[in-house]
Amino acid sequence: MQEDFWLMKSLVGENLQEKDLKHVDCYVFNKVGIFIPSTGVCGYAQQKNHTHPSYMITIMFSREYAQIDLPRNHYPAAIMSPDIPHRDVSSEFLHYYCIMIEKEYFESQYGLYGEELPKFHNYQFPICSDIIKAVNTFAFECSKQMKNKEITLQSQMTIITHWIIRSLIGENMDMRSVSSDYAVARVQHYIEQHYGEDLSVEILAGVANQSESTFQRGFKRELGTTPMHYLMEVRVEKAKLMLRRSNVSLTDISDSCGFGSSAHLSAAFKKHTGVTPSEYRRLTVS
């Protein structure tokens, strides 16, 4: 439809031509567009020093392109601010999703978090792989002429935008890891609220109202890891957030996240991420 192509140009760029998208599946609504190369490369992306009037978020499906530490069940994503000249690095056909979000809308939603908006130049960040379900739902709804689809697409547009923003500022949530087993899910919620406390398998089994052996078997079956390893992953993720968003001391981070000492924090952090807390702070805080 001509209206859809006009919307694509408003997101991608005025110089966009229909032939540029002959190998790309496109789904657009209101202030968001999803562009998925399906049979070849995007012609517009290959233009030297091209720009976009919108924010561009690229989700790659191969961890080999990651320049950051990736939690389990996460993909590497990168964001580009509007009007920054660039050219895609590879001319090869790669599997990725490109999400374009209108500048004014993205900035208005980002501002709701009270964060200062940086200028992003291919800035990488981890994003939970479950966002693909939301993006695919958006694409499916765009392609169908279903009654009241404008209402559901508006909701999906908001969800996708806020999922991206939360991931950018370190408020990542691994939705895939939320168990359908209520006893396990209840423990997950408990850990999220009490990760800074002195927790044990006995305490967590009590939260699940199960014996320790039954609880540990069920937890490992549901999430593929032990309760204490899961707890440590949560603590490390919380420590990352504190390291990125403030200059609080390692001792305070250790106390807040339940490590007990800065030495234990450093050892656990390096084991899970490959770098020390101080190195992580240098890499992520400008």
Protein backbone atom coordinates (compact mmCIF):
# COMPACT_ATOMS: atom_id res chain seq x y z
CA MET A 1 0.00 0.00 0.00
CA GLN A 2 1.21 3.51 -0.83
CA GLU A 3 0.33 4.72 2.67
CA ASP A 4 2.56 2.04 4.18
CA PHE A 5 5.47 2.99 1.91
CA TRP A 6 5.09 6.65 2.90
CA LEU A 7 5.33 5.54 6.54
CA MET A 8 8.42 3.43 5.74
CA LYS A 9 10.11 6.47 4.19
CA SER A 10 9.31 8.56 7.26
CA LEU A 11 11.14 5.97 9.38
CA VAL A 12 13.94 4.82 7.07
CA GLY A 13 14.68 7.96 5.03
CA GLU A 14 13.33 10.13 2.24
CA ASN A 15 15.69 8.56 -0.31
CA LEU A 16 14.22 5.10 0.24
CA GLN A 17 13.02 3.40 -2.96
CA GLU A 18 10.80 0.37 -3.26
CA LYS A 19 13.59 -1.60 -4.96
CA ASP A 20 15.72 -1.18 -1.81
CA LEU A 21 13.27 -3.40 0.06
CA LYS A 22 12.72 -6.14 -2.51
CA HIS A 23 14.50 -8.68 -0.27
CA VAL A 24 13.04 -7.36 2.98
CA ASP A 25 9.78 -8.14 4.78
CA CYS A 26 8.33 -4.88 6.11
CA TYR A 27 5.72 -4.27 8.81
CA VAL A 28 4.86 -0.71 9.80
CA PHE A 29 2.30 0.92 12.02
CA ASN A 30 2.06 4.48 13.29
CA LYS A 31 5.49 5.20 14.79
CA VAL A 32 7.25 1.82 14.50
CA GLY A 33 8.53 -0.29 11.63
CA ILE A 34 9.92 -3.83 11.62
CA PHE A 35 12.25 -4.71 8.72
CA ILE A 36 13.41 -8.32 8.32
CA PRO A 37 15.78 -9.33 5.48
CA SER A 38 14.30 -12.57 4.16
CA THR A 39 15.88 -13.31 0.77
CA GLY A 40 18.82 -10.90 0.59
CA VAL A 41 20.35 -7.66 1.81
CA CYS A 42 18.57 -4.33 2.24
CA GLY A 43 19.55 -1.96 -0.57
CA TYR A 44 19.18 1.16 1.56
CA ALA A 45 21.42 -0.27 4.28
CA GLN A 46 24.24 -0.73 1.75
CA GLN A 47 24.34 2.95 0.81
CA LYS A 48 27.47 4.69 2.06
CA ASN A 49 26.90 7.28 4.80
CA HIS A 50 23.14 6.84 4.82
CA THR A 51 21.11 8.14 7.77
CA HIS A 52 17.72 7.51 9.34
CA PRO A 53 15.35 10.10 10.83
CA SER A 54 14.33 7.54 13.47
CA TYR A 55 16.06 5.41 16.08
CA MET A 56 17.30 2.13 14.61
CA ILE A 57 17.59 -0.97 16.78
CA THR A 58 19.17 -4.08 15.25
CA ILE A 59 18.77 -7.48 16.90
CA MET A 60 21.32 -10.04 15.67
CA PHE A 61 20.70 -13.77 15.91
CA SER A 62 24.34 -14.80 16.19
CA ARG A 63 26.34 -14.30 19.38
CA GLU A 64 29.53 -14.02 17.31
CA TYR A 65 28.68 -10.37 16.64
CA ALA A 66 28.48 -9.57 20.35
CA GLN A 67 31.06 -7.18 21.75
CA ILE A 68 29.49 -7.36 25.20
CA ASP A 69 28.78 -9.95 27.86
CA LEU A 70 25.49 -11.72 27.07
CA PRO A 71 23.32 -13.30 29.77
CA ARG A 72 21.72 -16.62 28.86
CA ASN A 73 18.73 -16.40 26.52
CA HIS A 74 19.79 -12.96 25.27
CA TYR A 75 20.75 -11.67 21.84
CA PRO A 76 23.17 -8.86 21.01
CA ALA A 77 21.33 -5.70 19.99
CA ALA A 78 22.65 -2.34 18.79
CA ILE A 79 21.04 1.09 18.62
CA MET A 80 21.77 4.04 16.34
CA SER A 81 20.47 7.54 17.04
CA PRO A 82 18.81 9.52 14.23
CA ASP A 83 20.81 11.38 11.59
CA ILE A 84 24.14 9.63 12.18
CA PRO A 85 25.84 8.71 8.86
CA HIS A 86 26.77 5.05 8.67
CA ARG A 87 26.88 1.99 6.47
CA ASP A 88 26.21 -1.59 7.44
CA VAL A 89 29.49 -3.40 7.97
CA SER A 90 28.67 -6.52 5.97
CA SER A 91 27.27 -6.88 2.48
CA GLU A 92 26.49 -10.53 3.21
CA PHE A 93 22.96 -11.74 3.82
CA LEU A 94 22.62 -11.87 7.60
CA HIS A 95 19.71 -12.90 9.78
CA TYR A 96 18.58 -9.95 11.89
CA TYR A 97 15.55 -7.87 12.81
CA CYS A 98 15.69 -4.10 12.33
CA ILE A 99 13.27 -2.02 14.41
CA MET A 100 12.79 1.63 13.52
CA ILE A 101 11.10 3.89 16.09
CA GLU A 102 10.06 7.48 15.37
CA LYS A 103 12.42 9.98 17.03
CA GLU A 104 9.83 12.02 18.96
CA TYR A 105 7.98 8.94 20.19
CA PHE A 106 11.12 7.11 21.33
CA GLU A 107 12.46 10.15 23.16
CA SER A 108 9.13 10.83 24.87
CA GLN A 109 9.00 7.23 26.15
CA TYR A 110 12.68 7.23 27.19
CA GLY A 111 12.04 10.39 29.18
CA LEU A 112 9.49 8.56 31.33
CA TYR A 113 12.39 6.71 32.99
CA GLY A 114 14.06 9.92 34.14
CA GLU A 115 17.26 9.00 32.32
CA GLU A 116 19.43 11.42 30.35
CA LEU A 117 19.24 10.34 26.71
CA PRO A 118 22.72 9.67 25.25
CA LYS A 119 23.60 9.81 21.57
CA PHE A 120 23.91 6.21 20.46
CA HIS A 121 26.37 5.27 17.72
CA ASN A 122 25.94 1.54 17.17
CA TYR A 123 25.81 1.04 20.95
CA GLN A 124 25.48 -2.65 21.86
CA PHE A 125 23.30 -3.99 24.67
CA PRO A 126 21.80 -7.39 25.58
CA ILE A 127 18.11 -8.01 24.94
CA CYS A 128 16.04 -11.00 26.05
CA SER A 129 15.29 -13.35 23.17
CA ASP A 130 11.62 -13.34 24.13
CA ILE A 131 11.23 -9.93 22.49
CA ILE A 132 11.13 -11.83 19.20
CA LYS A 133 7.72 -13.19 20.21
CA ALA A 134 6.45 -9.63 20.65
CA VAL A 135 7.99 -8.50 17.34
CA ASN A 136 6.56 -11.49 15.47
CA THR A 137 3.13 -10.79 16.97
CA PHE A 138 3.40 -7.19 15.76
CA ALA A 139 4.37 -8.40 12.27
CA PHE A 140 1.53 -10.94 12.16
CA GLU A 141 -1.01 -8.35 13.23
CA CYS A 142 0.26 -5.87 10.62
CA SER A 143 -0.18 -8.44 7.85
CA LYS A 144 -3.75 -9.36 8.78
CA GLN A 145 -6.86 -7.27 8.26
CA MET A 146 -8.32 -8.12 11.64
CA LYS A 147 -11.00 -6.09 13.34
CA ASN A 148 -9.66 -3.43 15.73
CA LYS A 149 -6.07 -4.26 14.83
CA GLU A 150 -5.13 -0.60 15.40
CA ILE A 151 -5.86 -1.07 19.11
CA THR A 152 -3.71 -4.16 19.53
CA LEU A 153 -0.90 -2.79 17.33
CA GLN A 154 -0.77 0.36 19.45
CA SER A 155 -0.34 -1.79 22.55
CA GLN A 156 2.35 -3.95 20.93
CA MET A 157 4.19 -0.85 19.72
CA THR A 158 4.32 0.43 23.30
CA ILE A 159 5.47 -2.93 24.69
CA ILE A 160 8.29 -3.28 22.14
CA THR A 161 9.49 0.29 22.69
CA HIS A 162 9.58 -0.03 26.47
CA TRP A 163 11.20 -3.47 26.29
CA ILE A 164 14.03 -1.89 24.26
CA ILE A 165 14.38 1.10 26.60
CA ARG A 166 14.44 -1.06 29.73
CA SER A 167 17.12 -3.25 28.15
CA LEU A 168 19.15 -0.15 27.26
CA ILE A 169 19.19 1.17 30.83
CA GLY A 170 19.96 -2.22 32.34
CA GLU A 171 16.48 -3.16 33.53
CA ASN A 172 16.63 -6.41 31.59
CA MET A 173 14.20 -9.21 32.36
CA ASP A 174 14.73 -12.72 31.09
CA MET A 175 11.08 -13.53 30.42
CA ARG A 176 11.91 -16.99 29.10
CA SER A 177 13.22 -18.00 32.52
CA VAL A 178 9.95 -17.32 34.32
CA SER A 179 8.67 -20.79 35.10
CA SER A 180 5.18 -22.07 34.43
CA ASP A 181 5.54 -24.12 37.62
CA TYR A 182 4.05 -21.85 40.29
CA ALA A 183 6.29 -23.13 43.11
CA VAL A 184 9.41 -22.35 41.06
CA ALA A 185 8.02 -19.02 39.85
CA ARG A 186 7.21 -18.07 43.45
CA VAL A 187 10.85 -18.67 44.40
CA GLN A 188 12.02 -16.62 41.42
CA HIS A 189 9.88 -13.71 42.56
CA TYR A 190 11.19 -14.14 46.11
CA ILE A 191 14.80 -14.09 44.94
CA GLU A 192 14.15 -10.89 42.96
CA GLN A 193 12.93 -9.25 46.18
CA HIS A 194 15.44 -10.75 48.66
CA TYR A 195 18.66 -11.36 46.66
CA GLY A 196 20.60 -9.16 49.10
CA GLU A 197 19.78 -11.39 52.05
CA ASP A 198 21.51 -14.55 53.29
CA LEU A 199 19.54 -17.16 51.33
CA SER A 200 19.93 -20.94 51.32
CA VAL A 201 18.32 -23.92 49.63
CA GLU A 202 16.47 -24.59 52.90
CA ILE A 203 14.96 -21.09 52.91
CA LEU A 204 14.02 -21.23 49.22
CA ALA A 205 12.48 -24.68 49.56
CA GLY A 206 10.38 -23.26 52.39
CA VAL A 207 9.16 -20.49 50.09
CA ALA A 208 8.15 -23.20 47.58
CA ASN A 209 6.56 -25.23 50.42
CA GLN A 210 8.49 -28.31 49.31
CA SER A 211 11.20 -30.57 50.67
CA GLU A 212 14.72 -29.55 49.70
CA SER A 213 15.20 -32.55 47.41
CA THR A 214 11.84 -32.10 45.64
CA PHE A 215 12.45 -28.36 45.27
CA GLN A 216 15.96 -28.75 43.83
CA ARG A 217 14.85 -31.39 41.31
CA GLY A 218 11.89 -29.31 40.18
CA PHE A 219 13.92 -26.11 39.94
CA LYS A 220 16.66 -27.77 37.87
CA ARG A 221 14.06 -29.41 35.61
CA GLU A 222 12.26 -26.12 34.99
CA LEU A 223 15.17 -23.70 34.60
CA GLY A 224 18.13 -25.92 33.76
CA THR A 225 20.21 -24.64 36.68
CA THR A 226 20.41 -25.00 40.45
CA PRO A 227 18.67 -22.59 42.84
CA MET A 228 21.95 -21.24 44.20
CA HIS A 229 23.44 -20.75 40.73
CA TYR A 230 20.29 -18.89 39.72
CA LEU A 231 20.57 -16.73 42.84
CA MET A 232 24.17 -15.90 41.95
CA GLU A 233 23.15 -14.92 38.40
CA VAL A 234 20.54 -12.53 39.81
CA ARG A 235 23.09 -11.02 42.20
CA VAL A 236 25.61 -10.49 39.40
CA GLU A 237 22.97 -8.82 37.20
CA LYS A 238 21.99 -6.51 40.07
CA ALA A 239 25.66 -5.70 40.65
CA LYS A 240 26.04 -4.83 36.95
CA LEU A 241 23.17 -2.39 37.23
CA MET A 242 24.72 -0.67 40.26
CA LEU A 243 28.13 -0.53 38.59
CA ARG A 244 26.67 1.08 35.46
CA ARG A 245 24.35 3.60 37.07
CA SER A 246 26.32 5.04 39.99
CA ASN A 247 29.74 5.43 41.55
CA VAL A 248 28.80 3.49 44.66
CA SER A 249 31.71 1.59 46.23
CA LEU A 250 32.32 -2.10 45.66
CA THR A 251 31.78 -2.67 49.39
CA ASP A 252 28.30 -1.12 49.20
CA ILE A 253 27.48 -3.13 46.07
CA SER A 254 28.65 -6.29 47.80
CA ASP A 255 26.46 -5.58 50.83
CA SER A 256 23.41 -4.62 48.75
CA CYS A 257 23.63 -7.64 46.45
CA GLY A 258 24.27 -10.27 49.11
CA PHE A 259 27.89 -11.16 48.36
CA GLY A 260 29.10 -10.55 51.90
CA SER A 261 32.46 -9.08 50.92
CA SER A 262 34.04 -7.19 48.02
CA ALA A 263 36.42 -10.13 47.52
CA HIS A 264 33.50 -12.53 47.06
CA LEU A 265 31.83 -10.02 44.72
CA SER A 266 34.95 -9.75 42.59
CA ALA A 267 35.47 -13.53 42.39
CA ALA A 268 31.84 -14.30 41.55
CA PHE A 269 31.56 -11.41 39.10
CA LYS A 270 34.66 -12.45 37.15
CA LYS A 271 33.54 -16.09 37.10
CA HIS A 272 30.18 -15.14 35.55
CA THR A 273 31.28 -12.32 33.22
CA GLY A 274 34.98 -12.82 32.52
CA VAL A 275 35.91 -9.38 33.89
CA THR A 276 36.26 -7.85 37.35
CA PRO A 277 33.71 -5.33 38.68
CA SER A 278 36.24 -2.50 38.23
CA GLU A 279 36.93 -3.53 34.62
CA TYR A 280 33.19 -3.74 33.94
CA ARG A 281 32.70 -0.23 35.34
CA ARG A 282 35.47 1.15 33.13
CA LEU A 283 33.94 -0.52 30.06
CA THR A 284 30.39 0.65 30.65
CA VAL A 285 30.61 4.02 32.39
CA SER A 286 31.82 6.94 30.28
